[in-house]
Amino acid sequence: MKLFIILFCCGICLICCHNNAGHMAMVKNTDTGKGTTINFKAQVQPLLQKHCAPCHFPGGKLYEKLPFDKGETIIAHKEGVVKRFKDPGELNLIKQFTAQ
């Protein structure tokens, strides 16, 4: 009888865990990006270094006026920055960052 109760409880726990994991996968798959925080240092700055270095980074001729290693510069000059990106994924990331 004890074995039956233990197995029954384990089965209930497994079912609950499985349902919760499925729900979390569904939430991740249906996320449209809203509410997602874009990390400047990890996500945006590497794109800027790829497209805007060396001019807008330390030692570059435009660094003093427009330092692209600072998120506030990108936000303040959003219109000019987004013109430089042609890749839809990169452009979307920059737009999400400036909108948050």
PDB file of N, CA and C in Angstrom:
ATOM      1  N   MET A   1       0.817  -1.190   0.000  1.00  0.00           N
ATOM      2  CA  MET A   1       0.000   0.000   0.000  1.00  0.00           C
ATOM      3  C   MET A   1       0.867   1.264   0.000  1.00  0.00           C
ATOM      4  N   LYS A   2       1.943   1.237   0.828  1.00  0.00           N
ATOM      5  CA  LYS A   2       2.837   2.396   0.866  1.00  0.00           C
ATOM      6  C   LYS A   2       3.483   2.621  -0.502  1.00  0.00           C
ATOM      7  N   LEU A   3       3.883   1.535  -1.147  1.00  0.00           N
ATOM      8  CA  LEU A   3       4.500   1.636  -2.466  1.00  0.00           C
ATOM      9  C   LEU A   3       3.523   2.264  -3.463  1.00  0.00           C
ATOM     10  N   PHE A   4       2.279   1.890  -3.402  1.00  0.00           N
ATOM     11  CA  PHE A   4       1.260   2.443  -4.285  1.00  0.00           C
ATOM     12  C   PHE A   4       1.112   3.949  -4.061  1.00  0.00           C
ATOM     13  N   ILE A   5       1.072   4.371  -2.832  1.00  0.00           N
ATOM     14  CA  ILE A   5       0.918   5.802  -2.509  1.00  0.00           C
ATOM     15  C   ILE A   5       2.140   6.581  -2.983  1.00  0.00           C
ATOM     16  N   ILE A   6       3.325   6.021  -2.772  1.00  0.00           N
ATOM     17  CA  ILE A   6       4.552   6.700  -3.210  1.00  0.00           C
ATOM     18  C   ILE A   6       4.566   6.840  -4.731  1.00  0.00           C
ATOM     19  N   LEU A   7       4.246   5.747  -5.442  1.00  0.00           N
ATOM     20  CA  LEU A   7       4.212   5.802  -6.903  1.00  0.00           C
ATOM     21  C   LEU A   7       3.136   6.768  -7.400  1.00  0.00           C
ATOM     22  N   PHE A   8       2.007   6.782  -6.748  1.00  0.00           N
ATOM     23  CA  PHE A   8       0.926   7.698  -7.117  1.00  0.00           C
ATOM     24  C   PHE A   8       1.379   9.153  -6.964  1.00  0.00           C
ATOM     25  N   CYS A   9       2.025   9.475  -5.856  1.00  0.00           N
ATOM     26  CA  CYS A   9       2.508  10.848  -5.619  1.00  0.00           C
ATOM     27  C   CYS A   9       3.585  11.234  -6.632  1.00  0.00           C
ATOM     28  N   CYS A  10       4.478  10.304  -6.925  1.00  0.00           N
ATOM     29  CA  CYS A  10       5.519  10.577  -7.922  1.00  0.00           C
ATOM     30  C   CYS A  10       4.898  10.839  -9.293  1.00  0.00           C
ATOM     31  N   GLY A  11       3.889  10.053  -9.630  1.00  0.00           N
ATOM     32  CA  GLY A  11       3.203  10.247 -10.903  1.00  0.00           C
ATOM     33  C   GLY A  11       2.551  11.616 -10.989  1.00  0.00           C
ATOM     34  N   ILE A  12       1.907  12.038  -9.935  1.00  0.00           N
ATOM     35  CA  ILE A  12       1.267  13.365  -9.892  1.00  0.00           C
ATOM     36  C   ILE A  12       2.331  14.453 -10.058  1.00  0.00           C
ATOM     37  N   CYS A  13       3.448  14.305  -9.365  1.00  0.00           N
ATOM     38  CA  CYS A  13       4.538  15.300  -9.469  1.00  0.00           C
ATOM     39  C   CYS A  13       5.068  15.370 -10.895  1.00  0.00           C
ATOM     40  N   LEU A  14       5.270  14.230 -11.525  1.00  0.00           N
ATOM     41  CA  LEU A  14       5.763  14.210 -12.903  1.00  0.00           C
ATOM     42  C   LEU A  14       4.784  14.873 -13.860  1.00  0.00           C
ATOM     43  N   ILE A  15       3.517  14.611 -13.679  1.00  0.00           N
ATOM     44  CA  ILE A  15       2.504  15.225 -14.543  1.00  0.00           C
ATOM     45  C   ILE A  15       2.506  16.736 -14.370  1.00  0.00           C
ATOM     46  N   CYS A  16       2.585  17.200 -13.136  1.00  0.00           N
ATOM     47  CA  CYS A  16       2.600  18.650 -12.880  1.00  0.00           C
ATOM     48  C   CYS A  16       3.844  19.299 -13.480  1.00  0.00           C
ATOM     49  N   CYS A  17       4.997  18.677 -13.304  1.00  0.00           N
ATOM     50  CA  CYS A  17       6.246  19.225 -13.852  1.00  0.00           C
ATOM     51  C   CYS A  17       6.194  19.256 -15.374  1.00  0.00           C
ATOM     52  N   HIS A  18       5.685  18.193 -15.982  1.00  0.00           N
ATOM     53  CA  HIS A  18       5.600  18.123 -17.435  1.00  0.00           C
ATOM     54  C   HIS A  18       4.666  19.213 -17.978  1.00  0.00           C
ATOM     55  N   ASN A  19       3.535  19.417 -17.348  1.00  0.00           N
ATOM     56  CA  ASN A  19       2.594  20.449 -17.791  1.00  0.00           C
ATOM     57  C   ASN A  19       3.194  21.835 -17.662  1.00  0.00           C
ATOM     58  N   ASN A  20       3.920  22.087 -16.586  1.00  0.00           N
ATOM     59  CA  ASN A  20       4.549  23.386 -16.374  1.00  0.00           C
ATOM     60  C   ASN A  20       5.633  23.620 -17.414  1.00  0.00           C
ATOM     61  N   ALA A  21       6.437  22.593 -17.733  1.00  0.00           N
ATOM     62  CA  ALA A  21       7.492  22.739 -18.732  1.00  0.00           C
ATOM     63  C   ALA A  21       6.887  23.024 -20.102  1.00  0.00           C
ATOM     64  N   GLY A  22       5.802  22.368 -20.443  1.00  0.00           N
ATOM     65  CA  GLY A  22       5.133  22.618 -21.718  1.00  0.00           C
ATOM     66  C   GLY A  22       4.583  24.022 -21.795  1.00  0.00           C
ATOM     67  N   HIS A  23       4.045  24.497 -20.694  1.00  0.00           N
ATOM     68  CA  HIS A  23       3.519  25.864 -20.656  1.00  0.00           C
ATOM     69  C   HIS A  23       4.651  26.869 -20.846  1.00  0.00           C
ATOM     70  N   MET A  24       5.788  26.647 -20.198  1.00  0.00           N
ATOM     71  CA  MET A  24       6.907  27.575 -20.326  1.00  0.00           C
ATOM     72  C   MET A  24       7.452  27.572 -21.755  1.00  0.00           C
ATOM     73  N   ALA A  25       7.492  26.421 -22.399  1.00  0.00           N
ATOM     74  CA  ALA A  25       7.945  26.362 -23.790  1.00  0.00           C
ATOM     75  C   ALA A  25       6.988  27.135 -24.680  1.00  0.00           C
ATOM     76  N   MET A  26       5.687  27.037 -24.417  1.00  0.00           N
ATOM     77  CA  MET A  26       4.706  27.759 -25.203  1.00  0.00           C
ATOM     78  C   MET A  26       4.874  29.268 -25.020  1.00  0.00           C
ATOM     79  N   VAL A  27       5.133  29.696 -23.809  1.00  0.00           N
ATOM     80  CA  VAL A  27       5.332  31.122 -23.548  1.00  0.00           C
ATOM     81  C   VAL A  27       6.552  31.623 -24.302  1.00  0.00           C
ATOM     82  N   LYS A  28       7.646  30.862 -24.289  1.00  0.00           N
ATOM     83  CA  LYS A  28       8.856  31.279 -24.998  1.00  0.00           C
ATOM     84  C   LYS A  28       8.626  31.326 -26.499  1.00  0.00           C
ATOM     85  N   ASN A  29       7.893  30.372 -27.047  1.00  0.00           N
ATOM     86  CA  ASN A  29       7.676  30.306 -28.486  1.00  0.00           C
ATOM     87  C   ASN A  29       6.740  31.387 -28.987  1.00  0.00           C
ATOM     88  N   THR A  30       5.840  31.864 -28.150  1.00  0.00           N
ATOM     89  CA  THR A  30       4.890  32.872 -28.597  1.00  0.00           C
ATOM     90  C   THR A  30       5.327  34.285 -28.244  1.00  0.00           C
ATOM     91  N   ASP A  31       6.509  34.446 -27.654  1.00  0.00           N
ATOM     92  CA  ASP A  31       7.007  35.765 -27.297  1.00  0.00           C
ATOM     93  C   ASP A  31       7.338  36.533 -28.576  1.00  0.00           C
ATOM     94  N   THR A  32       6.759  37.711 -28.727  1.00  0.00           N
ATOM     95  CA  THR A  32       6.975  38.516 -29.931  1.00  0.00           C
ATOM     96  C   THR A  32       8.061  39.554 -29.736  1.00  0.00           C
ATOM     97  N   GLY A  33       8.778  39.473 -28.634  1.00  0.00           N
ATOM     98  CA  GLY A  33       9.833  40.444 -28.390  1.00  0.00           C
ATOM     99  C   GLY A  33       9.386  41.565 -27.473  1.00  0.00           C
ATOM    100  N   LYS A  34       8.098  41.691 -27.251  1.00  0.00           N
ATOM    101  CA  LYS A  34       7.613  42.736 -26.363  1.00  0.00           C
ATOM    102  C   LYS A  34       7.974  42.364 -24.939  1.00  0.00           C
ATOM    103  N   GLY A  35       8.509  43.311 -24.213  1.00  0.00           N
ATOM    104  CA  GLY A  35       8.895  43.048 -22.840  1.00  0.00           C
ATOM    105  C   GLY A  35      10.298  42.482 -22.727  1.00  0.00           C
ATOM    106  N   THR A  36      10.940  42.202 -23.857  1.00  0.00           N
ATOM    107  CA  THR A  36      12.290  41.689 -23.842  1.00  0.00           C
ATOM    108  C   THR A  36      13.240  42.871 -23.719  1.00  0.00           C
ATOM    109  N   THR A  37      14.138  42.812 -22.774  1.00  0.00           N
ATOM    110  CA  THR A  37      15.097  43.885 -22.585  1.00  0.00           C
ATOM    111  C   THR A  37      16.338  43.607 -23.422  1.00  0.00           C
ATOM    112  N   ILE A  38      16.745  44.588 -24.205  1.00  0.00           N
ATOM    113  CA  ILE A  38      17.934  44.474 -25.036  1.00  0.00           C
ATOM    114  C   ILE A  38      19.121  44.989 -24.230  1.00  0.00           C
ATOM    115  N   ASN A  39      20.151  44.177 -24.119  1.00  0.00           N
ATOM    116  CA  ASN A  39      21.358  44.540 -23.382  1.00  0.00           C
ATOM    117  C   ASN A  39      22.317  45.257 -24.330  1.00  0.00           C
ATOM    118  N   PHE A  40      22.644  46.503 -24.028  1.00  0.00           N
ATOM    119  CA  PHE A  40      23.489  47.300 -24.907  1.00  0.00           C
ATOM    120  C   PHE A  40      24.865  46.672 -25.090  1.00  0.00           C
ATOM    121  N   LYS A  41      25.541  46.377 -23.989  1.00  0.00           N
ATOM    122  CA  LYS A  41      26.922  45.855 -24.065  1.00  0.00           C
ATOM    123  C   LYS A  41      26.993  44.507 -24.772  1.00  0.00           C
ATOM    124  N   ALA A  42      26.026  43.641 -24.516  1.00  0.00           N
ATOM    125  CA  ALA A  42      26.085  42.280 -25.058  1.00  0.00           C
ATOM    126  C   ALA A  42      25.503  42.165 -26.463  1.00  0.00           C
ATOM    127  N   GLN A  43      24.485  42.962 -26.793  1.00  0.00           N
ATOM    128  CA  GLN A  43      23.784  42.768 -28.055  1.00  0.00           C
ATOM    129  C   GLN A  43      23.980  43.899 -29.060  1.00  0.00           C
ATOM    130  N   VAL A  44      23.945  45.130 -28.608  1.00  0.00           N
ATOM    131  CA  VAL A  44      23.988  46.271 -29.523  1.00  0.00           C
ATOM    132  C   VAL A  44      25.413  46.701 -29.831  1.00  0.00           C
ATOM    133  N   GLN A  45      26.241  46.822 -28.813  1.00  0.00           N
ATOM    134  CA  GLN A  45      27.601  47.312 -29.024  1.00  0.00           C
ATOM    135  C   GLN A  45      28.400  46.457 -30.014  1.00  0.00           C
ATOM    136  N   PRO A  46      28.293  45.117 -29.992  1.00  0.00           N
ATOM    137  CA  PRO A  46      29.016  44.344 -31.005  1.00  0.00           C
ATOM    138  C   PRO A  46      28.594  44.680 -32.443  1.00  0.00           C
ATOM    139  N   LEU A  47      27.319  44.972 -32.658  1.00  0.00           N
ATOM    140  CA  LEU A  47      26.856  45.372 -33.993  1.00  0.00           C
ATOM    141  C   LEU A  47      27.448  46.723 -34.393  1.00  0.00           C
ATOM    142  N   LEU A  48      27.482  47.631 -33.436  1.00  0.00           N
ATOM    143  CA  LEU A  48      28.045  48.951 -33.712  1.00  0.00           C
ATOM    144  C   LEU A  48      29.535  48.847 -34.001  1.00  0.00           C
ATOM    145  N   GLN A  49      30.230  48.000 -33.278  1.00  0.00           N
ATOM    146  CA  GLN A  49      31.661  47.814 -33.540  1.00  0.00           C
ATOM    147  C   GLN A  49      31.885  47.217 -34.924  1.00  0.00           C
ATOM    148  N   LYS A  50      31.013  46.327 -35.324  1.00  0.00           N
ATOM    149  CA  LYS A  50      31.119  45.685 -36.638  1.00  0.00           C
ATOM    150  C   LYS A  50      30.930  46.706 -37.766  1.00  0.00           C
ATOM    151  N   HIS A  51      29.976  47.633 -37.609  1.00  0.00           N
ATOM    152  CA  HIS A  51      29.627  48.554 -38.683  1.00  0.00           C
ATOM    153  C   HIS A  51      30.216  49.958 -38.539  1.00  0.00           C
ATOM    154  N   CYS A  52      30.552  50.367 -37.321  1.00  0.00           N
ATOM    155  CA  CYS A  52      30.893  51.767 -37.095  1.00  0.00           C
ATOM    156  C   CYS A  52      32.317  51.987 -36.574  1.00  0.00           C
ATOM    157  N   ALA A  53      33.076  50.927 -36.408  1.00  0.00           N
ATOM    158  CA  ALA A  53      34.469  51.069 -35.966  1.00  0.00           C
ATOM    159  C   ALA A  53      35.330  51.298 -37.198  1.00  0.00           C
ATOM    160  N   PRO A  54      36.371  52.008 -37.092  1.00  0.00           N
ATOM    161  CA  PRO A  54      36.990  52.563 -35.899  1.00  0.00           C
ATOM    162  C   PRO A  54      36.534  53.987 -35.575  1.00  0.00           C
ATOM    163  N   CYS A  55      35.782  54.607 -36.462  1.00  0.00           N
ATOM    164  CA  CYS A  55      35.482  56.039 -36.324  1.00  0.00           C
ATOM    165  C   CYS A  55      34.763  56.423 -35.031  1.00  0.00           C
ATOM    166  N   HIS A  56      33.780  55.619 -34.587  1.00  0.00           N
ATOM    167  CA  HIS A  56      32.955  55.994 -33.439  1.00  0.00           C
ATOM    168  C   HIS A  56      33.368  55.310 -32.144  1.00  0.00           C
ATOM    169  N   PHE A  57      34.546  54.726 -32.131  1.00  0.00           N
ATOM    170  CA  PHE A  57      35.051  54.065 -30.924  1.00  0.00           C
ATOM    171  C   PHE A  57      36.368  54.703 -30.519  1.00  0.00           C
ATOM    172  N   PRO A  58      36.845  54.478 -29.280  1.00  0.00           N
ATOM    173  CA  PRO A  58      38.051  55.161 -28.791  1.00  0.00           C
ATOM    174  C   PRO A  58      39.178  55.165 -29.813  1.00  0.00           C
ATOM    175  N   GLY A  59      39.700  56.392 -30.058  1.00  0.00           N
ATOM    176  CA  GLY A  59      40.774  56.590 -31.014  1.00  0.00           C
ATOM    177  C   GLY A  59      40.279  57.003 -32.387  1.00  0.00           C
ATOM    178  N   GLY A  60      38.987  56.880 -32.629  1.00  0.00           N
ATOM    179  CA  GLY A  60      38.420  57.234 -33.932  1.00  0.00           C
ATOM    180  C   GLY A  60      38.169  58.721 -34.064  1.00  0.00           C
ATOM    181  N   LYS A  61      38.085  59.198 -35.308  1.00  0.00           N
ATOM    182  CA  LYS A  61      37.948  60.633 -35.550  1.00  0.00           C
ATOM    183  C   LYS A  61      36.589  61.203 -35.119  1.00  0.00           C
ATOM    184  N   LEU A  62      35.565  60.372 -34.995  1.00  0.00           N
ATOM    185  CA  LEU A  62      34.248  60.859 -34.579  1.00  0.00           C
ATOM    186  C   LEU A  62      33.902  60.501 -33.131  1.00  0.00           C
ATOM    187  N   TYR A  63      34.829  59.866 -32.446  1.00  0.00           N
ATOM    188  CA  TYR A  63      34.540  59.396 -31.093  1.00  0.00           C
ATOM    189  C   TYR A  63      34.219  60.534 -30.130  1.00  0.00           C
ATOM    190  N   GLU A  64      34.912  61.637 -30.232  1.00  0.00           N
ATOM    191  CA  GLU A  64      34.679  62.755 -29.301  1.00  0.00           C
ATOM    192  C   GLU A  64      33.263  63.312 -29.419  1.00  0.00           C
ATOM    193  N   LYS A  65      32.727  63.388 -30.632  1.00  0.00           N
ATOM    194  CA  LYS A  65      31.382  63.928 -30.842  1.00  0.00           C
ATOM    195  C   LYS A  65      30.292  62.880 -30.675  1.00  0.00           C
ATOM    196  N   LEU A  66      30.530  61.672 -31.179  1.00  0.00           N
ATOM    197  CA  LEU A  66      29.523  60.607 -31.161  1.00  0.00           C
ATOM    198  C   LEU A  66      30.145  59.289 -30.710  1.00  0.00           C
ATOM    199  N   PRO A  67      30.303  59.128 -29.401  1.00  0.00           N
ATOM    200  CA  PRO A  67      30.885  57.872 -28.898  1.00  0.00           C
ATOM    201  C   PRO A  67      29.853  56.744 -28.905  1.00  0.00           C
ATOM    202  N   PHE A  68      30.066  55.757 -29.768  1.00  0.00           N
ATOM    203  CA  PHE A  68      29.098  54.674 -29.911  1.00  0.00           C
ATOM    204  C   PHE A  68      29.303  53.561 -28.896  1.00  0.00           C
ATOM    205  N   ASP A  69      30.197  53.758 -27.953  1.00  0.00           N
ATOM    206  CA  ASP A  69      30.322  52.777 -26.875  1.00  0.00           C
ATOM    207  C   ASP A  69      29.445  53.174 -25.686  1.00  0.00           C
ATOM    208  N   LYS A  70      28.596  54.164 -25.896  1.00  0.00           N
ATOM    209  CA  LYS A  70      27.660  54.631 -24.869  1.00  0.00           C
ATOM    210  C   LYS A  70      26.235  54.532 -25.422  1.00  0.00           C
ATOM    211  N   GLY A  71      25.392  53.814 -24.706  1.00  0.00           N
ATOM    212  CA  GLY A  71      24.017  53.606 -25.142  1.00  0.00           C
ATOM    213  C   GLY A  71      23.234  54.888 -25.306  1.00  0.00           C
ATOM    214  N   GLU A  72      23.505  55.877 -24.459  1.00  0.00           N
ATOM    215  CA  GLU A  72      22.753  57.134 -24.538  1.00  0.00           C
ATOM    216  C   GLU A  72      23.017  57.882 -25.852  1.00  0.00           C
ATOM    217  N   THR A  73      24.200  57.698 -26.428  1.00  0.00           N
ATOM    218  CA  THR A  73      24.496  58.317 -27.726  1.00  0.00           C
ATOM    219  C   THR A  73      23.615  57.709 -28.810  1.00  0.00           C
ATOM    220  N   ILE A  74      23.460  56.405 -28.768  1.00  0.00           N
ATOM    221  CA  ILE A  74      22.650  55.707 -29.768  1.00  0.00           C
ATOM    222  C   ILE A  74      21.188  56.137 -29.652  1.00  0.00           C
ATOM    223  N   ILE A  75      20.706  56.247 -28.431  1.00  0.00           N
ATOM    224  CA  ILE A  75      19.319  56.657 -28.206  1.00  0.00           C
ATOM    225  C   ILE A  75      19.100  58.094 -28.675  1.00  0.00           C
ATOM    226  N   ALA A  76      20.038  58.980 -28.379  1.00  0.00           N
ATOM    227  CA  ALA A  76      19.901  60.387 -28.752  1.00  0.00           C
ATOM    228  C   ALA A  76      19.990  60.611 -30.262  1.00  0.00           C
ATOM    229  N   HIS A  77      20.682  59.729 -30.972  1.00  0.00           N
ATOM    230  CA  HIS A  77      20.881  59.880 -32.420  1.00  0.00           C
ATOM    231  C   HIS A  77      20.286  58.701 -33.188  1.00  0.00           C
ATOM    232  N   LYS A  78      19.145  58.238 -32.719  1.00  0.00           N
ATOM    233  CA  LYS A  78      18.487  57.052 -33.271  1.00  0.00           C
ATOM    234  C   LYS A  78      18.284  57.135 -34.785  1.00  0.00           C
ATOM    235  N   GLU A  79      17.769  58.252 -35.286  1.00  0.00           N
ATOM    236  CA  GLU A  79      17.460  58.374 -36.708  1.00  0.00           C
ATOM    237  C   GLU A  79      18.699  58.176 -37.569  1.00  0.00           C
ATOM    238  N   GLY A  80      19.792  58.783 -37.180  1.00  0.00           N
ATOM    239  CA  GLY A  80      21.032  58.650 -37.952  1.00  0.00           C
ATOM    240  C   GLY A  80      21.634  57.257 -37.866  1.00  0.00           C
ATOM    241  N   VAL A  81      21.504  56.637 -36.718  1.00  0.00           N
ATOM    242  CA  VAL A  81      22.080  55.306 -36.523  1.00  0.00           C
ATOM    243  C   VAL A  81      21.309  54.258 -37.319  1.00  0.00           C
ATOM    244  N   VAL A  82      19.989  54.299 -37.266  1.00  0.00           N
ATOM    245  CA  VAL A  82      19.208  53.263 -37.947  1.00  0.00           C
ATOM    246  C   VAL A  82      19.354  53.330 -39.471  1.00  0.00           C
ATOM    247  N   LYS A  83      19.719  54.474 -40.016  1.00  0.00           N
ATOM    248  CA  LYS A  83      19.936  54.596 -41.459  1.00  0.00           C
ATOM    249  C   LYS A  83      21.103  53.739 -41.932  1.00  0.00           C
ATOM    250  N   ARG A  84      22.032  53.448 -41.044  1.00  0.00           N
ATOM    251  CA  ARG A  84      23.251  52.725 -41.407  1.00  0.00           C
ATOM    252  C   ARG A  84      23.075  51.209 -41.467  1.00  0.00           C
ATOM    253  N   PHE A  85      21.970  50.700 -40.940  1.00  0.00           N
ATOM    254  CA  PHE A  85      21.767  49.257 -40.867  1.00  0.00           C
ATOM    255  C   PHE A  85      20.803  48.797 -41.948  1.00  0.00           C
ATOM    256  N   LYS A  86      21.232  47.837 -42.740  1.00  0.00           N
ATOM    257  CA  LYS A  86      20.406  47.292 -43.822  1.00  0.00           C
ATOM    258  C   LYS A  86      19.830  45.920 -43.454  1.00  0.00           C
ATOM    259  N   ASP A  87      20.529  45.165 -42.620  1.00  0.00           N
ATOM    260  CA  ASP A  87      20.062  43.839 -42.218  1.00  0.00           C
ATOM    261  C   ASP A  87      18.828  43.990 -41.338  1.00  0.00           C
ATOM    262  N   PRO A  88      17.704  43.358 -41.702  1.00  0.00           N
ATOM    263  CA  PRO A  88      16.466  43.511 -40.928  1.00  0.00           C
ATOM    264  C   PRO A  88      16.587  43.083 -39.460  1.00  0.00           C
ATOM    265  N   GLY A  89      17.337  42.033 -39.192  1.00  0.00           N
ATOM    266  CA  GLY A  89      17.505  41.570 -37.812  1.00  0.00           C
ATOM    267  C   GLY A  89      18.280  42.569 -36.971  1.00  0.00           C
ATOM    268  N   GLU A  90      19.370  43.090 -37.529  1.00  0.00           N
ATOM    269  CA  GLU A  90      20.176  44.080 -36.810  1.00  0.00           C
ATOM    270  C   GLU A  90      19.396  45.372 -36.632  1.00  0.00           C
ATOM    271  N   LEU A  91      18.698  45.780 -37.665  1.00  0.00           N
ATOM    272  CA  LEU A  91      17.898  47.007 -37.602  1.00  0.00           C
ATOM    273  C   LEU A  91      16.815  46.896 -36.535  1.00  0.00           C
ATOM    274  N   ASN A  92      16.152  45.750 -36.482  1.00  0.00           N
ATOM    275  CA  ASN A  92      15.107  45.522 -35.486  1.00  0.00           C
ATOM    276  C   ASN A  92      15.678  45.579 -34.063  1.00  0.00           C
ATOM    277  N   LEU A  93      16.855  45.002 -33.872  1.00  0.00           N
ATOM    278  CA  LEU A  93      17.488  45.014 -32.556  1.00  0.00           C
ATOM    279  C   LEU A  93      17.808  46.439 -32.117  1.00  0.00           C
ATOM    280  N   ILE A  94      18.359  47.244 -33.032  1.00  0.00           N
ATOM    281  CA  ILE A  94      18.678  48.646 -32.709  1.00  0.00           C
ATOM    282  C   ILE A  94      17.396  49.412 -32.379  1.00  0.00           C
ATOM    283  N   LYS A  95      16.354  49.206 -33.161  1.00  0.00           N
ATOM    284  CA  LYS A  95      15.087  49.887 -32.910  1.00  0.00           C
ATOM    285  C   LYS A  95      14.482  49.485 -31.574  1.00  0.00           C
ATOM    286  N   GLN A  96      14.558  48.205 -31.239  1.00  0.00           N
ATOM    287  CA  GLN A  96      14.038  47.738 -29.940  1.00  0.00           C
ATOM    288  C   GLN A  96      14.829  48.380 -28.812  1.00  0.00           C
ATOM    289  N   PHE A  97      16.153  48.459 -28.959  1.00  0.00           N
ATOM    290  CA  PHE A  97      16.976  49.063 -27.909  1.00  0.00           C
ATOM    291  C   PHE A  97      16.616  50.522 -27.708  1.00  0.00           C
ATOM    292  N   THR A  98      16.478  51.282 -28.789  1.00  0.00           N
ATOM    293  CA  THR A  98      16.189  52.707 -28.653  1.00  0.00           C
ATOM    294  C   THR A  98      14.770  52.965 -28.149  1.00  0.00           C
ATOM    295  N   ALA A  99      13.878  52.016 -28.350  1.00  0.00           N
ATOM    296  CA  ALA A  99      12.491  52.189 -27.900  1.00  0.00           C
ATOM    297  C   ALA A  99      12.294  51.850 -26.426  1.00  0.00           C
ATOM    298  N   GLN A 100      13.181  51.078 -25.837  1.00  0.00           N
ATOM    299  CA  GLN A 100      12.967  50.646 -24.444  1.00  0.00           C
ATOM    300  C   GLN A 100      13.316  51.701 -23.427  1.00  0.00           C
TER     301      GLN A 100
END
